[in-house]
C-alpha cells in the first residue's frame, strides 16, 4: 500500500496510428516530493513537489469517480511484468479510504 496526494486519473484508449493495434493507457497522477540528487554527471535541485504518473489498472478507474481531487489516499498496488521488468500498478483505493468517503 502507498499513501499519495492524487490529483487525477485518466484512461486513454484507441488504435495505434502506425500499426492499427488497439491500446489502453490508464494513469494516476500524484504529487511526490522533489528528490535532490547529485553525482559527477548531474545535479538535481528544487523545492516542493512534482507530478508523478503511475500506471493504474483500468478496472480500478471507476473507484475514483467519487473522489474530490486533490485527495490524499492510501492506494493498493501490485507488481506486473512489463517489457521484461516488474512495474508497480495502482489497483485501487484502500478500503479505509472508501469507508471514510462514504460516511
Protein backbone atom coordinates (compact mmCIF):
# COMPACT_ATOMS: atom_id res chain seq x y z
CA UNK A 1 0.00 0.00 0.00
CA UNK A 2 1.18 3.56 -0.63
CA UNK A 3 -0.13 6.93 0.52
CA UNK A 4 -0.07 9.70 -2.10
CA UNK A 5 -1.72 13.02 -2.85
CA UNK A 6 -3.62 12.16 -6.01
CA UNK A 7 -4.59 14.99 -8.36
CA UNK A 8 -6.38 12.94 -11.03
CA UNK A 9 -6.80 9.74 -13.03
CA UNK A 10 -7.12 9.27 -16.79
CA UNK A 11 -7.78 6.45 -19.24
CA UNK A 12 -6.78 6.71 -22.89
CA UNK A 13 -7.64 4.01 -25.41
CA UNK A 14 -7.70 3.75 -29.15
CA UNK A 15 -5.78 2.31 -32.10
CA UNK A 16 -2.11 2.99 -32.79
CA UNK A 17 -1.63 5.15 -35.87
CA UNK A 18 1.37 3.20 -37.16
CA UNK A 19 0.14 -0.38 -36.61
CA UNK A 20 -3.61 -0.13 -36.08
CA UNK A 21 -3.22 -2.23 -32.93
CA UNK A 22 -5.53 -1.38 -30.04
CA UNK A 23 -4.00 0.22 -26.95
CA UNK A 24 -5.10 1.34 -23.49
CA UNK A 25 -3.13 3.55 -21.09
CA UNK A 26 -4.67 4.16 -17.70
CA UNK A 27 -2.74 6.53 -15.42
CA UNK A 28 -2.89 8.05 -11.95
CA UNK A 29 -1.31 11.47 -11.36
CA UNK A 30 0.10 12.25 -7.91
CA UNK A 31 2.28 14.83 -6.21
CA UNK A 32 5.61 13.48 -4.96
CA UNK A 33 8.44 15.35 -3.21
CA UNK A 34 11.20 16.58 -5.48
CA UNK A 35 14.22 14.39 -4.79
CA UNK A 36 17.51 16.21 -4.54
CA UNK A 37 20.41 14.33 -6.13
CA UNK A 38 23.99 15.00 -7.04
CA UNK A 39 26.75 12.97 -8.63
CA UNK A 40 29.56 13.54 -11.12
CA UNK A 41 27.12 13.70 -14.08
CA UNK A 42 24.03 15.51 -12.81
CA UNK A 43 22.75 17.83 -10.12
CA UNK A 44 19.06 17.99 -9.25
CA UNK A 45 17.92 20.91 -7.12
CA UNK A 46 14.44 22.05 -6.24
CA UNK A 47 11.78 22.56 -3.63
CA UNK A 48 8.28 21.26 -3.15
CA UNK A 49 6.58 18.64 -5.27
CA UNK A 50 6.49 17.33 -8.82
CA UNK A 51 3.92 15.34 -10.75
CA UNK A 52 4.36 11.57 -10.95
CA UNK A 53 2.50 9.44 -13.49
CA UNK A 54 1.78 5.90 -12.27
CA UNK A 55 0.11 3.04 -14.10
CA UNK A 56 -3.48 2.42 -12.99
CA UNK A 57 -5.34 -0.83 -13.55
CA UNK A 58 -8.24 0.12 -15.89
CA UNK A 59 -10.57 -1.99 -13.73
CA UNK A 60 -9.86 0.41 -10.83
CA UNK A 61 -10.75 3.62 -12.71
CA UNK A 62 -14.42 3.76 -11.65
CA UNK A 63 -13.38 3.54 -8.00
CA UNK A 64 -12.11 7.13 -8.29
CA UNK A 65 -15.41 8.64 -9.52
CA UNK A 66 -16.50 9.90 -6.09
CA UNK A 67 -13.08 11.28 -5.07
CA UNK A 68 -12.80 15.06 -4.73
CA UNK A 69 -9.36 15.87 -6.11
CA UNK A 70 -6.76 16.59 -4.91
CA UNK A 71 -7.03 13.88 -2.26
CA UNK A 72 -4.52 12.12 -0.04
CA UNK A 73 -5.31 8.43 -0.46
CA UNK A 74 -3.99 5.06 0.64
CA UNK A 75 -3.66 3.13 -2.61
CA UNK A 76 -3.43 -0.60 -3.17
CA UNK A 77 -0.74 -1.72 -5.59
CA UNK A 78 0.54 -4.78 -7.39
CA UNK A 79 3.64 -5.61 -9.44
CA UNK A 80 3.14 -6.75 -13.01
CA UNK A 81 5.58 -7.68 -15.75
CA UNK A 82 6.07 -5.04 -18.43
CA UNK A 83 8.76 -5.18 -21.11
CA UNK A 84 10.92 -7.59 -19.14
CA UNK A 85 10.69 -5.73 -15.81
CA UNK A 86 8.29 -5.62 -12.88
CA UNK A 87 6.30 -2.41 -12.76
CA UNK A 88 4.10 -1.04 -9.97
CA UNK A 89 0.41 -0.70 -10.86
CA UNK A 90 -2.21 1.00 -8.69
CA UNK A 91 -5.08 -1.47 -8.28
CA UNK A 92 -7.45 0.68 -6.24
CA UNK A 93 -8.16 2.76 -3.18
CA UNK A 94 -7.70 1.11 0.22
CA UNK A 95 -10.97 0.10 1.90
CA UNK A 96 -10.40 2.50 4.82
CA UNK A 97 -10.49 5.46 2.37
CA UNK A 98 -13.72 4.23 0.81
CA UNK A 99 -15.43 3.90 4.20
CA UNK A 100 -14.35 7.42 5.18
CA UNK A 101 -15.56 8.90 1.89
CA UNK A 102 -18.94 7.17 2.12
CA UNK A 103 -19.53 8.00 5.79
